[in-house]
Amino acid sequence: MPDTITKDMTIGEVLEINSGLAPVLMAGGMHCIGCPASQMESLEEAAMVHGIDLDLLLTRLNAYLQAMQS
C-alpha cells in the first residue's frame, strides 16, 4: 500500500487504497466518486474540474491515511 496519496492517482486508486477515504473526498467537494470517469481521472484533473483546492485535499487524504496506519 502506498504511503502517500499523490495528485497523479485516480479516484479509483485512492479508494482501492482505503475505502474510508471516500468521506474525505466527499467532504472536500469531490462528489463524483461513483462516476465512471473517476476511474480514469486523476485527483489533479478532478480537482481542476470541480474547483477544489488540490493541496488541501491531498493534505486531508494523507492525514487520514497516516492516522489509519498508526
PDB file of N, CA and C in Angstrom:
ATOM      1  N   MET A   1       0.848  -1.177   0.000  1.00  0.00           N
ATOM      2  CA  MET A   1       0.000   0.000   0.000  1.00  0.00           C
ATOM      3  C   MET A   1       0.895   1.241   0.000  1.00  0.00           C
ATOM      4  N   PRO A   2       0.577   2.204  -0.866  1.00  0.00           N
ATOM      5  CA  PRO A   2       1.375   3.444  -0.892  1.00  0.00           C
ATOM      6  C   PRO A   2       1.283   4.194   0.438  1.00  0.00           C
ATOM      7  N   ASP A   3       2.349   4.876   0.761  1.00  0.00           N
ATOM      8  CA  ASP A   3       2.383   5.675   1.990  1.00  0.00           C
ATOM      9  C   ASP A   3       1.751   7.042   1.795  1.00  0.00           C
ATOM     10  N   THR A   4       1.646   7.476   0.538  1.00  0.00           N
ATOM     11  CA  THR A   4       1.197   8.828   0.246  1.00  0.00           C
ATOM     12  C   THR A   4       0.253   8.834  -0.944  1.00  0.00           C
ATOM     13  N   ILE A   5      -0.809   9.625  -0.831  1.00  0.00           N
ATOM     14  CA  ILE A   5      -1.721   9.871  -1.944  1.00  0.00           C
ATOM     15  C   ILE A   5      -1.116  11.022  -2.750  1.00  0.00           C
ATOM     16  N   THR A   6      -1.049  10.857  -4.066  1.00  0.00           N
ATOM     17  CA  THR A   6      -0.477  11.898  -4.917  1.00  0.00           C
ATOM     18  C   THR A   6      -1.512  12.404  -5.911  1.00  0.00           C
ATOM     19  N   LYS A   7      -1.224  13.557  -6.499  1.00  0.00           N
ATOM     20  CA  LYS A   7      -2.141  14.189  -7.437  1.00  0.00           C
ATOM     21  C   LYS A   7      -2.338  13.380  -8.706  1.00  0.00           C
ATOM     22  N   ASP A   8      -1.417  12.477  -9.003  1.00  0.00           N
ATOM     23  CA  ASP A   8      -1.483  11.679 -10.218  1.00  0.00           C
ATOM     24  C   ASP A   8      -2.375  10.446 -10.082  1.00  0.00           C
ATOM     25  N   MET A   9      -2.752  10.103  -8.859  1.00  0.00           N
ATOM     26  CA  MET A   9      -3.594   8.929  -8.630  1.00  0.00           C
ATOM     27  C   MET A   9      -5.026   9.211  -9.069  1.00  0.00           C
ATOM     28  N   THR A  10      -5.690   8.167  -9.540  1.00  0.00           N
ATOM     29  CA  THR A  10      -7.103   8.319  -9.869  1.00  0.00           C
ATOM     30  C   THR A  10      -7.927   8.172  -8.598  1.00  0.00           C
ATOM     31  N   ILE A  11      -9.152   8.634  -8.650  1.00  0.00           N
ATOM     32  CA  ILE A  11     -10.053   8.487  -7.508  1.00  0.00           C
ATOM     33  C   ILE A  11     -10.236   6.999  -7.206  1.00  0.00           C
ATOM     34  N   GLY A  12     -10.345   6.203  -8.263  1.00  0.00           N
ATOM     35  CA  GLY A  12     -10.473   4.759  -8.085  1.00  0.00           C
ATOM     36  C   GLY A  12      -9.286   4.163  -7.346  1.00  0.00           C
ATOM     37  N   GLU A  13      -8.078   4.589  -7.688  1.00  0.00           N
ATOM     38  CA  GLU A  13      -6.876   4.096  -6.998  1.00  0.00           C
ATOM     39  C   GLU A  13      -6.882   4.498  -5.531  1.00  0.00           C
ATOM     40  N   VAL A  14      -7.309   5.716  -5.261  1.00  0.00           N
ATOM     41  CA  VAL A  14      -7.364   6.199  -3.879  1.00  0.00           C
ATOM     42  C   VAL A  14      -8.325   5.339  -3.068  1.00  0.00           C
ATOM     43  N   LEU A  15      -9.476   5.039  -3.633  1.00  0.00           N
ATOM     44  CA  LEU A  15     -10.471   4.240  -2.920  1.00  0.00           C
ATOM     45  C   LEU A  15     -10.038   2.791  -2.760  1.00  0.00           C
ATOM     46  N   GLU A  16      -9.208   2.288  -3.674  1.00  0.00           N
ATOM     47  CA  GLU A  16      -8.665   0.936  -3.532  1.00  0.00           C
ATOM     48  C   GLU A  16      -7.686   0.870  -2.367  1.00  0.00           C
ATOM     49  N   ILE A  17      -6.969   1.959  -2.133  1.00  0.00           N
ATOM     50  CA  ILE A  17      -6.017   2.009  -1.019  1.00  0.00           C
ATOM     51  C   ILE A  17      -6.764   1.904   0.298  1.00  0.00           C
ATOM     52  N   ASN A  18      -7.845   2.667   0.420  1.00  0.00           N
ATOM     53  CA  ASN A  18      -8.648   2.652   1.640  1.00  0.00           C
ATOM     54  C   ASN A  18     -10.011   3.247   1.327  1.00  0.00           C
ATOM     55  N   SER A  19     -11.049   2.430   1.399  1.00  0.00           N
ATOM     56  CA  SER A  19     -12.396   2.917   1.085  1.00  0.00           C
ATOM     57  C   SER A  19     -12.863   3.981   2.078  1.00  0.00           C
ATOM     58  N   GLY A  20     -12.229   4.054   3.233  1.00  0.00           N
ATOM     59  CA  GLY A  20     -12.551   5.073   4.216  1.00  0.00           C
ATOM     60  C   GLY A  20     -12.191   6.476   3.762  1.00  0.00           C
ATOM     61  N   LEU A  21     -11.455   6.571   2.658  1.00  0.00           N
ATOM     62  CA  LEU A  21     -11.102   7.880   2.114  1.00  0.00           C
ATOM     63  C   LEU A  21     -12.265   8.516   1.357  1.00  0.00           C
ATOM     64  N   ALA A  22     -13.306   7.743   1.067  1.00  0.00           N
ATOM     65  CA  ALA A  22     -14.473   8.277   0.343  1.00  0.00           C
ATOM     66  C   ALA A  22     -15.094   9.477   1.051  1.00  0.00           C
ATOM     67  N   PRO A  23     -15.354   9.407   2.365  1.00  0.00           N
ATOM     68  CA  PRO A  23     -15.920  10.581   3.040  1.00  0.00           C
ATOM     69  C   PRO A  23     -14.992  11.798   3.017  1.00  0.00           C
ATOM     70  N   VAL A  24     -13.685  11.566   3.018  1.00  0.00           N
ATOM     71  CA  VAL A  24     -12.723  12.670   2.955  1.00  0.00           C
ATOM     72  C   VAL A  24     -12.841  13.356   1.592  1.00  0.00           C
ATOM     73  N   LEU A  25     -12.938  12.545   0.534  1.00  0.00           N
ATOM     74  CA  LEU A  25     -13.121  13.103  -0.808  1.00  0.00           C
ATOM     75  C   LEU A  25     -14.431  13.879  -0.893  1.00  0.00           C
ATOM     76  N   MET A  26     -15.493  13.287  -0.368  1.00  0.00           N
ATOM     77  CA  MET A  26     -16.815  13.930  -0.431  1.00  0.00           C
ATOM     78  C   MET A  26     -16.816  15.246   0.367  1.00  0.00           C
ATOM     79  N   ALA A  27     -16.224  15.228   1.547  1.00  0.00           N
ATOM     80  CA  ALA A  27     -16.171  16.435   2.377  1.00  0.00           C
ATOM     81  C   ALA A  27     -15.360  17.531   1.698  1.00  0.00           C
ATOM     82  N   GLY A  28     -14.410  17.120   0.869  1.00  0.00           N
ATOM     83  CA  GLY A  28     -13.582  18.086   0.149  1.00  0.00           C
ATOM     84  C   GLY A  28     -14.254  18.635  -1.096  1.00  0.00           C
ATOM     85  N   GLY A  29     -15.469  18.164  -1.391  1.00  0.00           N
ATOM     86  CA  GLY A  29     -16.209  18.672  -2.538  1.00  0.00           C
ATOM     87  C   GLY A  29     -16.174  17.772  -3.756  1.00  0.00           C
ATOM     88  N   MET A  30     -15.544  16.611  -3.616  1.00  0.00           N
ATOM     89  CA  MET A  30     -15.441  15.694  -4.742  1.00  0.00           C
ATOM     90  C   MET A  30     -16.562  14.656  -4.631  1.00  0.00           C
ATOM     91  N   HIS A  31     -17.727  15.022  -5.138  1.00  0.00           N
ATOM     92  CA  HIS A  31     -18.913  14.171  -5.027  1.00  0.00           C
ATOM     93  C   HIS A  31     -19.037  13.207  -6.196  1.00  0.00           C
ATOM     94  N   CYS A  32     -18.022  13.124  -7.018  1.00  0.00           N
ATOM     95  CA  CYS A  32     -18.072  12.315  -8.236  1.00  0.00           C
ATOM     96  C   CYS A  32     -17.427  10.949  -8.049  1.00  0.00           C
ATOM     97  N   ILE A  33     -17.266  10.493  -6.819  1.00  0.00           N
ATOM     98  CA  ILE A  33     -16.511   9.264  -6.592  1.00  0.00           C
ATOM     99  C   ILE A  33     -17.165   8.031  -7.212  1.00  0.00           C
ATOM    100  N   GLY A  34     -18.454   8.066  -7.451  1.00  0.00           N
ATOM    101  CA  GLY A  34     -19.122   6.937  -8.079  1.00  0.00           C
ATOM    102  C   GLY A  34     -19.207   7.056  -9.588  1.00  0.00           C
ATOM    103  N   CYS A  35     -18.793   8.164 -10.127  1.00  0.00           N
ATOM    104  CA  CYS A  35     -18.861   8.422 -11.565  1.00  0.00           C
ATOM    105  C   CYS A  35     -17.865   7.535 -12.297  1.00  0.00           C
ATOM    106  N   PRO A  36     -18.267   6.972 -13.432  1.00  0.00           N
ATOM    107  CA  PRO A  36     -17.320   6.139 -14.198  1.00  0.00           C
ATOM    108  C   PRO A  36     -16.029   6.871 -14.565  1.00  0.00           C
ATOM    109  N   ALA A  37     -16.092   8.161 -14.775  1.00  0.00           N
ATOM    110  CA  ALA A  37     -14.883   8.925 -15.123  1.00  0.00           C
ATOM    111  C   ALA A  37     -13.875   8.933 -13.977  1.00  0.00           C
ATOM    112  N   SER A  38     -14.345   8.729 -12.756  1.00  0.00           N
ATOM    113  CA  SER A  38     -13.438   8.767 -11.601  1.00  0.00           C
ATOM    114  C   SER A  38     -12.417   7.638 -11.642  1.00  0.00           C
ATOM    115  N   GLN A  39     -12.689   6.612 -12.414  1.00  0.00           N
ATOM    116  CA  GLN A  39     -11.737   5.509 -12.529  1.00  0.00           C
ATOM    117  C   GLN A  39     -10.542   5.880 -13.401  1.00  0.00           C
ATOM    118  N   MET A  40     -10.699   6.903 -14.233  1.00  0.00           N
ATOM    119  CA  MET A  40      -9.624   7.293 -15.149  1.00  0.00           C
ATOM    120  C   MET A  40      -9.084   8.696 -14.882  1.00  0.00           C
ATOM    121  N   GLU A  41      -9.839   9.499 -14.151  1.00  0.00           N
ATOM    122  CA  GLU A  41      -9.480  10.897 -13.921  1.00  0.00           C
ATOM    123  C   GLU A  41      -8.556  11.002 -12.708  1.00  0.00           C
ATOM    124  N   SER A  42      -7.453  11.722 -12.848  1.00  0.00           N
ATOM    125  CA  SER A  42      -6.550  11.902 -11.711  1.00  0.00           C
ATOM    126  C   SER A  42      -7.172  12.868 -10.707  1.00  0.00           C
ATOM    127  N   LEU A  43      -6.657  12.838  -9.493  1.00  0.00           N
ATOM    128  CA  LEU A  43      -7.122  13.787  -8.482  1.00  0.00           C
ATOM    129  C   LEU A  43      -6.900  15.215  -8.955  1.00  0.00           C
ATOM    130  N   GLU A  44      -5.773  15.444  -9.607  1.00  0.00           N
ATOM    131  CA  GLU A  44      -5.472  16.786 -10.105  1.00  0.00           C
ATOM    132  C   GLU A  44      -6.522  17.234 -11.125  1.00  0.00           C
ATOM    133  N   GLU A  45      -6.856  16.352 -12.065  1.00  0.00           N
ATOM    134  CA  GLU A  45      -7.861  16.688 -13.084  1.00  0.00           C
ATOM    135  C   GLU A  45      -9.232  16.914 -12.461  1.00  0.00           C
ATOM    136  N   ALA A  46      -9.618  16.039 -11.540  1.00  0.00           N
ATOM    137  CA  ALA A  46     -10.915  16.166 -10.893  1.00  0.00           C
ATOM    138  C   ALA A  46     -10.998  17.445 -10.062  1.00  0.00           C
ATOM    139  N   ALA A  47      -9.930  17.775  -9.365  1.00  0.00           N
ATOM    140  CA  ALA A  47      -9.915  18.994  -8.555  1.00  0.00           C
ATOM    141  C   ALA A  47     -10.067  20.224  -9.439  1.00  0.00           C
ATOM    142  N   MET A  48      -9.403  20.208 -10.590  1.00  0.00           N
ATOM    143  CA  MET A  48      -9.490  21.342 -11.507  1.00  0.00           C
ATOM    144  C   MET A  48     -10.923  21.491 -12.032  1.00  0.00           C
ATOM    145  N   VAL A  49     -11.530  20.392 -12.424  1.00  0.00           N
ATOM    146  CA  VAL A  49     -12.894  20.421 -12.968  1.00  0.00           C
ATOM    147  C   VAL A  49     -13.901  20.908 -11.927  1.00  0.00           C
ATOM    148  N   HIS A  50     -13.694  20.495 -10.669  1.00  0.00           N
ATOM    149  CA  HIS A  50     -14.652  20.817  -9.615  1.00  0.00           C
ATOM    150  C   HIS A  50     -14.281  22.047  -8.790  1.00  0.00           C
ATOM    151  N   GLY A  51     -13.186  22.708  -9.140  1.00  0.00           N
ATOM    152  CA  GLY A  51     -12.780  23.914  -8.416  1.00  0.00           C
ATOM    153  C   GLY A  51     -12.372  23.639  -6.980  1.00  0.00           C
ATOM    154  N   ILE A  52     -11.687  22.525  -6.771  1.00  0.00           N
ATOM    155  CA  ILE A  52     -11.283  22.110  -5.427  1.00  0.00           C
ATOM    156  C   ILE A  52      -9.807  22.444  -5.220  1.00  0.00           C
ATOM    157  N   ASP A  53      -9.468  22.870  -4.009  1.00  0.00           N
ATOM    158  CA  ASP A  53      -8.083  23.148  -3.635  1.00  0.00           C
ATOM    159  C   ASP A  53      -7.352  21.810  -3.509  1.00  0.00           C
ATOM    160  N   LEU A  54      -6.555  21.458  -4.499  1.00  0.00           N
ATOM    161  CA  LEU A  54      -5.892  20.162  -4.545  1.00  0.00           C
ATOM    162  C   LEU A  54      -4.936  19.970  -3.376  1.00  0.00           C
ATOM    163  N   ASP A  55      -4.172  20.984  -3.030  1.00  0.00           N
ATOM    164  CA  ASP A  55      -3.206  20.851  -1.931  1.00  0.00           C
ATOM    165  C   ASP A  55      -3.910  20.539  -0.619  1.00  0.00           C
ATOM    166  N   LEU A  56      -5.021  21.216  -0.365  1.00  0.00           N
ATOM    167  CA  LEU A  56      -5.778  20.972   0.860  1.00  0.00           C
ATOM    168  C   LEU A  56      -6.360  19.562   0.849  1.00  0.00           C
ATOM    169  N   LEU A  57      -6.899  19.142  -0.271  1.00  0.00           N
ATOM    170  CA  LEU A  57      -7.466  17.798  -0.380  1.00  0.00           C
ATOM    171  C   LEU A  57      -6.391  16.742  -0.142  1.00  0.00           C
ATOM    172  N   LEU A  58      -5.228  16.893  -0.756  1.00  0.00           N
ATOM    173  CA  LEU A  58      -4.144  15.933  -0.558  1.00  0.00           C
ATOM    174  C   LEU A  58      -3.693  15.901   0.899  1.00  0.00           C
ATOM    175  N   THR A  59      -3.639  17.049   1.533  1.00  0.00           N
ATOM    176  CA  THR A  59      -3.269  17.108   2.951  1.00  0.00           C
ATOM    177  C   THR A  59      -4.253  16.308   3.789  1.00  0.00           C
ATOM    178  N   ARG A  60      -5.540  16.478   3.534  1.00  0.00           N
ATOM    179  CA  ARG A  60      -6.572  15.765   4.298  1.00  0.00           C
ATOM    180  C   ARG A  60      -6.553  14.265   4.015  1.00  0.00           C
ATOM    181  N   LEU A  61      -6.388  13.899   2.761  1.00  0.00           N
ATOM    182  CA  LEU A  61      -6.338  12.476   2.403  1.00  0.00           C
ATOM    183  C   LEU A  61      -5.135  11.796   3.059  1.00  0.00           C
ATOM    184  N   ASN A  62      -3.987  12.442   2.984  1.00  0.00           N
ATOM    185  CA  ASN A  62      -2.780  11.849   3.559  1.00  0.00           C
ATOM    186  C   ASN A  62      -2.808  11.827   5.081  1.00  0.00           C
ATOM    187  N   ALA A  63      -3.442  12.815   5.701  1.00  0.00           N
ATOM    188  CA  ALA A  63      -3.583  12.816   7.154  1.00  0.00           C
ATOM    189  C   ALA A  63      -4.454  11.632   7.600  1.00  0.00           C
ATOM    190  N   TYR A  64      -5.540  11.393   6.874  1.00  0.00           N
ATOM    191  CA  TYR A  64      -6.410  10.263   7.174  1.00  0.00           C
ATOM    192  C   TYR A  64      -5.641   8.947   7.009  1.00  0.00           C
ATOM    193  N   LEU A  65      -4.941   8.811   5.898  1.00  0.00           N
ATOM    194  CA  LEU A  65      -4.198   7.589   5.611  1.00  0.00           C
ATOM    195  C   LEU A  65      -3.140   7.352   6.681  1.00  0.00           C
ATOM    196  N   GLN A  66      -2.439   8.397   7.070  1.00  0.00           N
ATOM    197  CA  GLN A  66      -1.407   8.262   8.091  1.00  0.00           C
ATOM    198  C   GLN A  66      -2.015   7.859   9.439  1.00  0.00           C
ATOM    199  N   ALA A  67      -3.169   8.429   9.770  1.00  0.00           N
ATOM    200  CA  ALA A  67      -3.845   8.082  11.030  1.00  0.00           C
ATOM    201  C   ALA A  67      -4.269   6.611  11.026  1.00  0.00           C
ATOM    202  N   MET A  68      -4.679   6.102   9.876  1.00  0.00           N
ATOM    203  CA  MET A  68      -5.103   4.714   9.782  1.00  0.00           C
ATOM    204  C   MET A  68      -3.911   3.754   9.875  1.00  0.00           C
ATOM    205  N   GLN A  69      -2.735   4.209   9.478  1.00  0.00           N
ATOM    206  CA  GLN A  69      -1.549   3.368   9.507  1.00  0.00           C
ATOM    207  C   GLN A  69      -0.876   3.370  10.880  1.00  0.00           C
ATOM    208  N   SER A  70      -1.251   4.307  11.713  1.00  0.00           N
ATOM    209  CA  SER A  70      -0.630   4.416  13.048  1.00  0.00           C
ATOM    210  C   SER A  70      -1.194   3.392  14.007  1.00  0.00           C
TER     211      SER A  70
END
